[in-house]
N, C-alpha and C. Protein backbone atom coordinates (compact mmCIF):
# COMPACT_ATOMS: atom_id res chain seq x y z
N ALA A 1 58.98 154.46 110.77
CA ALA A 1 59.96 153.53 110.21
C ALA A 1 59.71 153.36 108.71
N TYR A 2 60.81 153.16 107.98
CA TYR A 2 60.70 153.00 106.54
C TYR A 2 60.03 151.67 106.20
N VAL A 3 59.13 151.71 105.22
CA VAL A 3 58.46 150.51 104.75
C VAL A 3 58.79 150.33 103.27
N SER A 4 59.36 149.19 102.92
CA SER A 4 59.71 148.93 101.53
C SER A 4 58.45 148.87 100.67
N PRO A 5 58.49 149.50 99.49
CA PRO A 5 57.33 149.44 98.61
C PRO A 5 57.16 148.09 97.93
N PHE A 6 58.16 147.23 98.01
CA PHE A 6 58.10 145.94 97.35
C PHE A 6 57.44 144.90 98.25
N SER A 7 56.50 144.17 97.69
CA SER A 7 55.89 143.06 98.43
C SER A 7 56.74 141.81 98.24
N VAL A 8 56.50 140.81 99.06
CA VAL A 8 57.22 139.54 98.91
C VAL A 8 56.95 138.95 97.53
N ARG A 9 55.72 139.04 97.08
CA ARG A 9 55.37 138.51 95.76
C ARG A 9 56.15 139.22 94.66
N GLN A 10 56.26 140.55 94.77
CA GLN A 10 57.02 141.30 93.77
C GLN A 10 58.48 140.90 93.77
N LEU A 11 59.05 140.73 94.95
CA LEU A 11 60.45 140.34 95.03
C LEU A 11 60.67 138.94 94.45
N LEU A 12 59.76 138.02 94.76
CA LEU A 12 59.89 136.66 94.24
C LEU A 12 59.73 136.60 92.72
N ALA A 13 59.07 137.60 92.16
CA ALA A 13 58.89 137.65 90.71
C ALA A 13 60.10 138.24 89.99
N MET A 14 61.06 138.77 90.75
CA MET A 14 62.25 139.37 90.14
C MET A 14 63.29 138.30 89.83
N LYS A 15 63.71 138.28 88.59
CA LYS A 15 64.73 137.30 88.16
C LYS A 15 66.01 137.43 88.98
N ASP A 16 66.42 138.67 89.26
CA ASP A 16 67.69 138.88 89.95
C ASP A 16 67.68 138.38 91.38
N VAL A 17 66.52 138.39 92.02
CA VAL A 17 66.43 137.83 93.37
C VAL A 17 66.82 136.36 93.34
N TRP A 18 66.31 135.64 92.36
CA TRP A 18 66.60 134.21 92.25
C TRP A 18 68.04 133.95 91.81
N LEU A 19 68.54 134.76 90.87
CA LEU A 19 69.92 134.58 90.42
C LEU A 19 70.90 134.80 91.57
N ILE A 20 70.65 135.87 92.34
CA ILE A 20 71.54 136.17 93.47
C ILE A 20 71.41 135.10 94.56
N ALA A 21 70.18 134.68 94.85
CA ALA A 21 69.96 133.67 95.89
C ALA A 21 70.60 132.34 95.50
N LEU A 22 70.40 131.92 94.26
CA LEU A 22 70.97 130.64 93.81
C LEU A 22 72.49 130.71 93.76
N GLY A 23 73.02 131.82 93.22
CA GLY A 23 74.47 131.98 93.15
C GLY A 23 75.10 132.04 94.53
N SER A 24 74.46 132.76 95.45
CA SER A 24 74.98 132.87 96.82
C SER A 24 74.95 131.51 97.52
N GLY A 25 73.86 130.78 97.32
CA GLY A 25 73.78 129.44 97.90
C GLY A 25 74.86 128.54 97.34
N GLY A 26 75.12 128.67 96.05
CA GLY A 26 76.18 127.88 95.42
C GLY A 26 77.56 128.21 95.96
N ILE A 27 77.78 129.50 96.24
CA ILE A 27 79.05 129.92 96.85
C ILE A 27 79.27 129.16 98.16
N TYR A 28 78.20 129.09 98.96
CA TYR A 28 78.32 128.43 100.26
C TYR A 28 78.41 126.91 100.13
N ILE A 29 77.85 126.33 99.07
CA ILE A 29 78.02 124.89 98.86
C ILE A 29 79.51 124.58 98.70
N VAL A 30 80.19 125.38 97.89
CA VAL A 30 81.63 125.15 97.67
C VAL A 30 82.40 125.38 98.97
N LEU A 31 82.10 126.47 99.66
CA LEU A 31 82.81 126.79 100.91
C LEU A 31 82.62 125.69 101.95
N VAL A 32 81.37 125.33 102.20
CA VAL A 32 81.08 124.30 103.21
C VAL A 32 81.65 122.95 102.77
N GLY A 33 81.52 122.65 101.49
CA GLY A 33 82.03 121.38 100.98
C GLY A 33 83.52 121.23 101.19
N VAL A 34 84.27 122.28 100.89
CA VAL A 34 85.73 122.22 101.06
C VAL A 34 86.11 122.24 102.53
N LEU A 35 85.51 123.16 103.28
CA LEU A 35 85.89 123.32 104.69
C LEU A 35 85.59 122.06 105.51
N SER A 36 84.44 121.45 105.26
CA SER A 36 84.05 120.28 106.05
C SER A 36 84.92 119.06 105.77
N GLN A 37 85.56 119.05 104.59
CA GLN A 37 86.37 117.88 104.21
C GLN A 37 87.86 118.16 104.20
N MET A 38 88.25 119.33 104.67
CA MET A 38 89.65 119.73 104.56
C MET A 38 90.57 118.79 105.34
N VAL A 39 90.23 118.52 106.59
CA VAL A 39 91.07 117.64 107.41
C VAL A 39 91.04 116.20 106.88
N PRO A 40 89.86 115.62 106.63
CA PRO A 40 89.85 114.26 106.07
C PRO A 40 90.58 114.16 104.73
N ARG A 41 90.46 115.20 103.90
CA ARG A 41 91.14 115.19 102.61
C ARG A 41 92.66 115.15 102.79
N MET A 42 93.19 115.97 103.70
CA MET A 42 94.64 115.98 103.92
C MET A 42 95.12 114.67 104.55
N MET A 43 94.30 114.10 105.42
CA MET A 43 94.65 112.80 106.00
C MET A 43 94.67 111.73 104.92
N ASP A 44 93.76 111.85 103.95
CA ASP A 44 93.72 110.93 102.82
C ASP A 44 94.98 111.05 101.97
N MET A 45 95.59 112.26 102.00
CA MET A 45 96.81 112.50 101.23
C MET A 45 98.07 112.13 102.01
N GLY A 46 97.90 111.61 103.25
CA GLY A 46 99.04 111.13 104.00
C GLY A 46 99.46 111.98 105.18
N TYR A 47 98.78 113.09 105.43
CA TYR A 47 99.11 113.94 106.58
C TYR A 47 98.48 113.36 107.84
N SER A 48 99.15 113.58 108.98
CA SER A 48 98.57 113.17 110.25
C SER A 48 97.40 114.09 110.59
N GLN A 49 96.54 113.64 111.50
CA GLN A 49 95.41 114.48 111.89
C GLN A 49 95.89 115.80 112.49
N GLY A 50 96.92 115.74 113.31
CA GLY A 50 97.45 116.96 113.93
C GLY A 50 97.96 117.95 112.90
N GLN A 51 98.71 117.46 111.91
CA GLN A 51 99.23 118.34 110.87
C GLN A 51 98.10 118.90 110.02
N ALA A 52 97.11 118.07 109.74
CA ALA A 52 95.97 118.53 108.94
C ALA A 52 95.22 119.65 109.66
N ILE A 53 95.03 119.50 110.97
CA ILE A 53 94.34 120.53 111.75
C ILE A 53 95.18 121.81 111.80
N THR A 54 96.50 121.66 111.92
CA THR A 54 97.40 122.83 111.90
C THR A 54 97.29 123.56 110.58
N ASN A 55 97.28 122.81 109.49
CA ASN A 55 97.15 123.42 108.16
C ASN A 55 95.84 124.18 108.02
N LEU A 56 94.76 123.60 108.55
CA LEU A 56 93.46 124.27 108.52
C LEU A 56 93.51 125.56 109.32
N SER A 57 94.19 125.54 110.46
CA SER A 57 94.32 126.74 111.29
C SER A 57 95.09 127.83 110.56
N ILE A 58 96.15 127.44 109.86
CA ILE A 58 96.93 128.40 109.08
C ILE A 58 96.05 129.04 108.01
N ALA A 59 95.27 128.21 107.33
CA ALA A 59 94.36 128.73 106.30
C ALA A 59 93.36 129.71 106.90
N ALA A 60 92.87 129.41 108.10
CA ALA A 60 91.90 130.29 108.75
C ALA A 60 92.51 131.65 109.07
N PHE A 61 93.77 131.67 109.52
CA PHE A 61 94.44 132.94 109.80
C PHE A 61 94.62 133.76 108.53
N ILE A 62 94.90 133.08 107.43
CA ILE A 62 95.04 133.78 106.15
C ILE A 62 93.72 134.44 105.76
N GLY A 63 92.62 133.88 106.24
CA GLY A 63 91.30 134.42 105.91
C GLY A 63 91.04 135.81 106.46
N VAL A 64 91.77 136.22 107.49
CA VAL A 64 91.54 137.55 108.08
C VAL A 64 91.90 138.66 107.09
N PRO A 65 93.14 138.70 106.57
CA PRO A 65 93.42 139.71 105.54
C PRO A 65 92.65 139.45 104.25
N GLY A 66 92.31 138.18 104.01
CA GLY A 66 91.53 137.86 102.81
C GLY A 66 90.19 138.54 102.80
N ALA A 67 89.55 138.64 103.96
CA ALA A 67 88.24 139.30 104.04
C ALA A 67 88.35 140.76 103.62
N TYR A 68 89.41 141.43 104.06
CA TYR A 68 89.61 142.83 103.67
C TYR A 68 89.90 142.94 102.18
N ALA A 69 90.67 141.97 101.65
CA ALA A 69 91.01 142.00 100.23
C ALA A 69 89.77 141.88 99.36
N TRP A 70 88.88 140.95 99.70
CA TRP A 70 87.65 140.79 98.91
C TRP A 70 86.75 142.00 99.05
N GLY A 71 86.71 142.59 100.25
CA GLY A 71 85.93 143.81 100.43
C GLY A 71 86.46 144.94 99.58
N TRP A 72 87.77 145.06 99.50
CA TRP A 72 88.40 146.10 98.68
C TRP A 72 88.08 145.88 97.20
N LEU A 73 88.17 144.63 96.76
CA LEU A 73 87.85 144.32 95.36
C LEU A 73 86.40 144.64 95.04
N GLY A 74 85.50 144.35 96.00
CA GLY A 74 84.10 144.67 95.80
C GLY A 74 83.86 146.16 95.67
N GLN A 75 84.59 146.95 96.46
CA GLN A 75 84.47 148.41 96.38
C GLN A 75 85.03 148.94 95.06
N LYS A 76 86.13 148.37 94.62
CA LYS A 76 86.82 148.88 93.44
C LYS A 76 86.14 148.48 92.13
N PHE A 77 85.70 147.23 92.05
CA PHE A 77 85.17 146.72 90.78
C PHE A 77 83.67 146.48 90.79
N GLY A 78 83.04 146.63 91.93
CA GLY A 78 81.61 146.33 92.05
C GLY A 78 81.43 144.91 92.57
N SER A 79 80.39 144.72 93.34
CA SER A 79 80.21 143.42 94.00
C SER A 79 79.94 142.29 93.00
N ARG A 80 79.28 142.59 91.88
CA ARG A 80 78.97 141.53 90.91
C ARG A 80 80.25 140.96 90.30
N LYS A 81 81.14 141.84 89.84
CA LYS A 81 82.41 141.37 89.27
C LYS A 81 83.26 140.68 90.34
N ALA A 82 83.24 141.25 91.55
CA ALA A 82 84.05 140.67 92.62
C ALA A 82 83.56 139.27 93.00
N VAL A 83 82.25 139.08 93.07
CA VAL A 83 81.74 137.77 93.47
C VAL A 83 81.94 136.75 92.34
N MET A 84 81.94 137.20 91.08
CA MET A 84 82.28 136.29 89.99
C MET A 84 83.75 135.86 90.09
N GLY A 85 84.62 136.83 90.39
CA GLY A 85 86.03 136.50 90.60
C GLY A 85 86.23 135.59 91.79
N TYR A 86 85.43 135.81 92.82
CA TYR A 86 85.50 134.99 94.03
C TYR A 86 85.12 133.54 93.71
N ALA A 87 84.06 133.36 92.93
CA ALA A 87 83.64 132.00 92.55
C ALA A 87 84.72 131.32 91.70
N ALA A 88 85.33 132.09 90.79
CA ALA A 88 86.40 131.53 89.96
C ALA A 88 87.61 131.16 90.81
N TRP A 89 87.91 131.99 91.79
CA TRP A 89 89.03 131.73 92.71
C TRP A 89 88.81 130.42 93.46
N TRP A 90 87.58 130.22 93.95
CA TRP A 90 87.24 128.98 94.65
C TRP A 90 87.41 127.78 93.71
N GLY A 91 86.92 127.93 92.48
CA GLY A 91 87.05 126.83 91.52
C GLY A 91 88.49 126.45 91.29
N ALA A 92 89.36 127.46 91.15
CA ALA A 92 90.78 127.20 90.94
C ALA A 92 91.41 126.55 92.17
N ALA A 93 91.01 127.00 93.36
CA ALA A 93 91.55 126.42 94.60
C ALA A 93 91.18 124.95 94.72
N VAL A 94 89.95 124.62 94.38
CA VAL A 94 89.50 123.23 94.46
C VAL A 94 90.23 122.38 93.42
N LEU A 95 90.42 122.92 92.23
CA LEU A 95 91.17 122.20 91.20
C LEU A 95 92.58 121.86 91.68
N MET A 96 93.23 122.83 92.32
CA MET A 96 94.57 122.59 92.86
C MET A 96 94.55 121.46 93.89
N ASN A 97 93.49 121.42 94.68
CA ASN A 97 93.38 120.42 95.74
C ASN A 97 93.10 119.03 95.19
N MET A 98 92.67 118.95 93.94
CA MET A 98 92.36 117.66 93.34
C MET A 98 93.60 116.90 92.89
N ILE A 99 94.73 117.61 92.75
CA ILE A 99 95.96 116.96 92.29
C ILE A 99 96.49 116.06 93.40
N PRO A 100 96.61 114.77 93.16
CA PRO A 100 96.97 113.82 94.23
C PRO A 100 98.44 113.91 94.64
N ALA A 101 98.67 113.79 95.94
CA ALA A 101 100.02 113.63 96.51
C ALA A 101 101.02 114.66 96.00
N ASN A 102 100.60 115.92 95.94
CA ASN A 102 101.50 116.98 95.50
C ASN A 102 101.50 118.08 96.55
N SER A 103 102.59 118.19 97.29
CA SER A 103 102.65 119.15 98.40
C SER A 103 102.58 120.59 97.92
N LEU A 104 103.19 120.89 96.77
CA LEU A 104 103.20 122.27 96.27
C LEU A 104 101.78 122.74 95.96
N THR A 105 101.05 121.94 95.17
CA THR A 105 99.69 122.36 94.81
C THR A 105 98.77 122.34 96.02
N LEU A 106 99.05 121.45 96.99
CA LEU A 106 98.24 121.44 98.21
C LEU A 106 98.41 122.76 98.96
N TRP A 107 99.64 123.25 99.09
CA TRP A 107 99.86 124.49 99.82
C TRP A 107 99.33 125.70 99.06
N ILE A 108 99.46 125.67 97.73
CA ILE A 108 98.85 126.75 96.94
C ILE A 108 97.34 126.75 97.18
N SER A 109 96.76 125.55 97.17
CA SER A 109 95.32 125.42 97.41
C SER A 109 94.95 125.92 98.80
N LEU A 110 95.74 125.56 99.82
CA LEU A 110 95.45 125.99 101.19
C LEU A 110 95.48 127.51 101.31
N ILE A 111 96.46 128.14 100.68
CA ILE A 111 96.54 129.61 100.71
C ILE A 111 95.33 130.22 100.02
N MET A 112 94.98 129.68 98.85
CA MET A 112 93.83 130.20 98.11
C MET A 112 92.53 130.02 98.90
N ILE A 113 92.39 128.86 99.52
CA ILE A 113 91.20 128.59 100.33
C ILE A 113 91.17 129.53 101.54
N GLY A 114 92.33 129.72 102.17
CA GLY A 114 92.40 130.63 103.31
C GLY A 114 91.98 132.04 102.94
N VAL A 115 92.48 132.53 101.82
CA VAL A 115 92.12 133.87 101.35
C VAL A 115 90.61 133.96 101.12
N SER A 116 90.00 132.86 100.73
CA SER A 116 88.57 132.85 100.39
C SER A 116 87.65 132.85 101.60
N PHE A 117 88.14 132.39 102.75
CA PHE A 117 87.26 132.19 103.90
C PHE A 117 86.42 133.41 104.24
N GLY A 118 87.03 134.59 104.22
CA GLY A 118 86.31 135.78 104.67
C GLY A 118 85.50 136.49 103.62
N GLY A 119 85.52 136.00 102.38
CA GLY A 119 84.87 136.75 101.31
C GLY A 119 83.40 136.45 101.08
N ALA A 120 82.96 135.27 101.46
CA ALA A 120 81.60 134.84 101.12
C ALA A 120 80.54 135.76 101.71
N THR A 121 80.61 136.00 103.00
CA THR A 121 79.60 136.83 103.65
C THR A 121 79.64 138.26 103.13
N ASN A 122 80.86 138.81 102.97
CA ASN A 122 81.00 140.17 102.45
C ASN A 122 80.30 140.33 101.10
N LEU A 123 80.67 139.46 100.17
CA LEU A 123 80.25 139.65 98.78
C LEU A 123 78.80 139.27 98.54
N THR A 124 78.33 138.20 99.18
CA THR A 124 76.93 137.80 98.96
C THR A 124 75.96 138.77 99.62
N THR A 125 76.44 139.53 100.60
CA THR A 125 75.60 140.57 101.21
C THR A 125 75.66 141.85 100.39
N SER A 126 76.86 142.22 99.95
CA SER A 126 77.01 143.49 99.25
C SER A 126 76.33 143.49 97.88
N ILE A 127 76.25 142.33 97.23
CA ILE A 127 75.58 142.31 95.93
C ILE A 127 74.08 142.57 96.08
N VAL A 128 73.51 142.14 97.20
CA VAL A 128 72.10 142.45 97.48
C VAL A 128 71.95 143.94 97.79
N ALA A 129 72.91 144.49 98.55
CA ALA A 129 72.86 145.91 98.89
C ALA A 129 73.02 146.78 97.65
N ASP A 130 73.83 146.33 96.68
CA ASP A 130 73.99 147.09 95.43
C ASP A 130 72.71 147.08 94.62
N LYS A 131 72.00 145.97 94.65
CA LYS A 131 70.79 145.83 93.83
C LYS A 131 69.60 146.55 94.44
N PHE A 132 69.49 146.54 95.75
CA PHE A 132 68.32 147.11 96.42
C PHE A 132 68.73 148.29 97.29
N PRO A 133 68.01 149.41 97.17
CA PRO A 133 68.30 150.58 98.03
C PRO A 133 68.21 150.19 99.49
N ARG A 134 68.79 151.03 100.33
CA ARG A 134 68.93 150.69 101.75
C ARG A 134 67.62 150.26 102.39
N GLY A 135 66.55 150.96 102.08
CA GLY A 135 65.28 150.62 102.69
C GLY A 135 64.76 149.25 102.29
N SER A 136 64.93 148.91 101.02
CA SER A 136 64.42 147.62 100.53
C SER A 136 65.41 146.48 100.75
N PHE A 137 66.65 146.82 101.12
CA PHE A 137 67.65 145.78 101.32
C PHE A 137 67.22 144.78 102.38
N VAL A 138 66.69 145.29 103.49
CA VAL A 138 66.32 144.41 104.60
C VAL A 138 65.29 143.38 104.15
N LYS A 139 64.31 143.83 103.39
CA LYS A 139 63.25 142.92 102.94
C LYS A 139 63.79 141.93 101.90
N ALA A 140 64.59 142.45 100.96
CA ALA A 140 65.13 141.58 99.92
C ALA A 140 66.10 140.56 100.50
N PHE A 141 66.98 141.02 101.39
CA PHE A 141 67.95 140.10 101.98
C PHE A 141 67.26 139.08 102.88
N GLY A 142 66.21 139.51 103.55
CA GLY A 142 65.44 138.59 104.39
C GLY A 142 64.76 137.50 103.59
N LEU A 143 64.57 137.74 102.29
CA LEU A 143 63.98 136.74 101.41
C LEU A 143 65.07 135.88 100.76
N ILE A 144 66.16 136.53 100.37
CA ILE A 144 67.24 135.83 99.68
C ILE A 144 67.99 134.89 100.62
N GLN A 145 68.21 135.32 101.85
CA GLN A 145 69.02 134.51 102.77
C GLN A 145 68.44 133.13 103.07
N PRO A 146 67.13 132.99 103.31
CA PRO A 146 66.60 131.63 103.52
C PRO A 146 66.74 130.72 102.30
N ILE A 147 66.56 131.29 101.10
CA ILE A 147 66.75 130.50 99.88
C ILE A 147 68.20 130.04 99.81
N GLN A 148 69.10 130.98 100.08
CA GLN A 148 70.53 130.67 100.11
C GLN A 148 70.84 129.56 101.11
N GLY A 149 70.20 129.63 102.28
CA GLY A 149 70.43 128.63 103.32
C GLY A 149 69.97 127.24 102.92
N VAL A 150 68.83 127.17 102.24
CA VAL A 150 68.32 125.87 101.78
C VAL A 150 69.30 125.25 100.79
N ILE A 151 69.79 126.08 99.87
CA ILE A 151 70.74 125.58 98.87
C ILE A 151 72.04 125.14 99.55
N ARG A 152 72.52 125.96 100.48
CA ARG A 152 73.76 125.64 101.20
C ARG A 152 73.66 124.29 101.91
N SER A 153 72.49 123.98 102.43
CA SER A 153 72.32 122.72 103.17
C SER A 153 72.46 121.49 102.27
N CYS A 154 72.46 121.70 100.97
CA CYS A 154 72.64 120.58 100.03
C CYS A 154 74.11 120.17 99.91
N ALA A 155 75.01 120.95 100.49
CA ALA A 155 76.45 120.69 100.32
C ALA A 155 76.83 119.28 100.73
N TYR A 156 76.31 118.83 101.86
CA TYR A 156 76.71 117.51 102.37
C TYR A 156 76.19 116.38 101.49
N ALA A 157 74.97 116.55 100.96
CA ALA A 157 74.43 115.53 100.06
C ALA A 157 75.24 115.46 98.77
N ILE A 158 75.64 116.62 98.27
CA ILE A 158 76.44 116.66 97.04
C ILE A 158 77.79 115.99 97.27
N LEU A 159 78.41 116.32 98.41
CA LEU A 159 79.69 115.68 98.74
C LEU A 159 79.55 114.18 98.89
N ALA A 160 78.50 113.75 99.59
CA ALA A 160 78.29 112.32 99.80
C ALA A 160 78.11 111.60 98.47
N PHE A 161 77.37 112.22 97.55
CA PHE A 161 77.17 111.61 96.23
C PHE A 161 78.51 111.47 95.51
N GLY A 162 79.30 112.55 95.51
CA GLY A 162 80.58 112.51 94.83
C GLY A 162 81.54 111.51 95.44
N LEU A 163 81.60 111.48 96.77
CA LEU A 163 82.50 110.56 97.45
C LEU A 163 82.11 109.10 97.22
N THR A 164 80.80 108.85 97.14
CA THR A 164 80.31 107.47 97.01
C THR A 164 80.28 106.98 95.57
N HIS A 165 79.86 107.85 94.66
CA HIS A 165 79.58 107.40 93.29
C HIS A 165 80.54 107.92 92.23
N LEU A 166 81.40 108.88 92.58
CA LEU A 166 82.26 109.47 91.55
C LEU A 166 83.74 109.30 91.86
N GLY A 167 84.07 108.27 92.61
CA GLY A 167 85.48 107.94 92.80
C GLY A 167 86.17 108.64 93.94
N GLY A 168 85.45 109.07 94.95
CA GLY A 168 86.10 109.67 96.12
C GLY A 168 86.24 111.18 96.02
N TYR A 169 87.33 111.69 96.59
CA TYR A 169 87.50 113.15 96.69
C TYR A 169 87.60 113.82 95.32
N VAL A 170 88.25 113.18 94.38
CA VAL A 170 88.39 113.79 93.05
C VAL A 170 87.01 114.01 92.43
N GLY A 171 86.14 113.02 92.53
CA GLY A 171 84.79 113.16 91.99
C GLY A 171 83.98 114.20 92.73
N ALA A 172 84.08 114.18 94.06
CA ALA A 172 83.33 115.16 94.87
C ALA A 172 83.80 116.57 94.58
N TYR A 173 85.11 116.76 94.47
CA TYR A 173 85.65 118.09 94.21
C TYR A 173 85.35 118.54 92.78
N ALA A 174 85.27 117.58 91.86
CA ALA A 174 84.89 117.94 90.49
C ALA A 174 83.48 118.53 90.47
N LEU A 175 82.59 117.98 91.30
CA LEU A 175 81.25 118.55 91.42
C LEU A 175 81.31 119.98 91.96
N LEU A 176 82.18 120.22 92.93
CA LEU A 176 82.30 121.57 93.49
C LEU A 176 82.85 122.55 92.46
N VAL A 177 83.78 122.10 91.64
CA VAL A 177 84.30 122.96 90.56
C VAL A 177 83.17 123.30 89.58
N ALA A 178 82.35 122.31 89.25
CA ALA A 178 81.22 122.55 88.35
C ALA A 178 80.24 123.55 88.96
N ILE A 179 80.00 123.43 90.27
CA ILE A 179 79.09 124.36 90.95
C ILE A 179 79.69 125.76 90.94
N ALA A 180 81.00 125.88 91.13
CA ALA A 180 81.65 127.19 91.06
C ALA A 180 81.44 127.83 89.68
N ALA A 181 81.52 127.02 88.63
CA ALA A 181 81.29 127.53 87.27
C ALA A 181 79.85 127.99 87.09
N VAL A 182 78.91 127.23 87.64
CA VAL A 182 77.49 127.63 87.59
C VAL A 182 77.29 128.94 88.35
N ASN A 183 77.96 129.09 89.48
CA ASN A 183 77.86 130.33 90.26
C ASN A 183 78.29 131.54 89.43
N ILE A 184 79.40 131.39 88.72
CA ILE A 184 79.88 132.49 87.86
C ILE A 184 78.81 132.86 86.85
N ALA A 185 78.21 131.85 86.22
CA ALA A 185 77.17 132.10 85.21
C ALA A 185 75.96 132.80 85.81
N LEU A 186 75.55 132.37 87.00
CA LEU A 186 74.37 132.97 87.65
C LEU A 186 74.61 134.45 87.95
N PHE A 187 75.77 134.78 88.49
CA PHE A 187 76.05 136.19 88.80
C PHE A 187 76.27 137.00 87.53
N TRP A 188 76.80 136.37 86.49
CA TRP A 188 76.96 137.06 85.21
C TRP A 188 75.60 137.44 84.63
N LEU A 189 74.62 136.58 84.80
CA LEU A 189 73.27 136.84 84.29
C LEU A 189 72.53 137.89 85.12
N ALA A 190 72.95 138.10 86.36
CA ALA A 190 72.26 139.07 87.22
C ALA A 190 72.55 140.49 86.75
N ASP A 191 71.53 141.34 86.81
CA ASP A 191 71.67 142.75 86.44
C ASP A 191 72.02 143.54 87.69
N PRO A 192 73.21 144.17 87.73
CA PRO A 192 73.61 144.89 88.94
C PRO A 192 72.96 146.26 89.12
N THR A 193 72.18 146.69 88.12
CA THR A 193 71.54 148.01 88.21
C THR A 193 70.59 148.06 89.40
N PRO A 194 70.72 149.06 90.28
CA PRO A 194 69.81 149.16 91.43
C PRO A 194 68.35 149.28 90.98
N VAL A 195 67.46 148.62 91.70
CA VAL A 195 66.04 148.71 91.37
C VAL A 195 65.52 150.08 91.79
N SER A 196 64.54 150.56 91.07
CA SER A 196 63.91 151.84 91.40
C SER A 196 62.67 151.58 92.25
N GLU A 197 62.64 152.17 93.41
CA GLU A 197 61.48 151.97 94.29
C GLU A 197 60.25 152.69 93.76
N GLU A 198 60.47 153.63 92.85
CA GLU A 198 59.34 154.37 92.28
C GLU A 198 58.49 153.50 91.37
N THR A 199 59.10 152.41 90.86
CA THR A 199 58.36 151.53 89.94
C THR A 199 57.63 150.42 90.69
N ALA A 200 57.81 150.38 92.00
CA ALA A 200 57.19 149.30 92.78
C ALA A 200 55.68 149.44 92.81
C-alpha cells in the first residue's frame, strides 16, 4: 500500500493546509448558518411554516443541478478559483436575504442558496486533491477535515451572537457575509500548485 512521505508534523507546518482548512470551515459556517435558519427567517418575514418548508424544499431540489454546475466550474477554472467564486456567491445570496419584506430578493436568494447546496463538498474536497497528489491526499484530507469540522461547529455560536447582540437576522447574516469575504481571502492566499512528494 502507498505510504505518504509527509508526516503529520510536516503537513501541519504547511501554510496551505491551514488556509484550506480555515477557508473550508468558513464555507460550512455560512452554509450551516443559512440552512439552519432558513425556515425561521422566512417565518420572521411573514411566511407560514408550511410555505417556508416548501420554499426550503424547492431550494434543495435546485441544489441537484447546482452540484454539477459547481463541479463543472471547478474542472474548467480550477478548484481554487471556483471555491472563491462559490464563497462570493454565498455572500451575495446572504446579502439578498437581508433585505426585509421583499419577495423578489427573497426568491433570488432562495435560488442562489439552492444552487449553492451541492457545491461545498465538491469544492472543498477538490481543492485538497489539487494541492496534494493522490497518495498524499488521504493523509492531508484526513488532517484538514477535522480542523474544518471544528470551525464549522462554531456556526451556531456565531448565529446566536448575531441574533442576540447585533439586531436579529440582519446582524447575524452580516456576520455570515463577513465570513464569506474572509473565505475568499483565505483561498486567494492559498497556493494551488501541487506539492512535490520528492521534497518531503
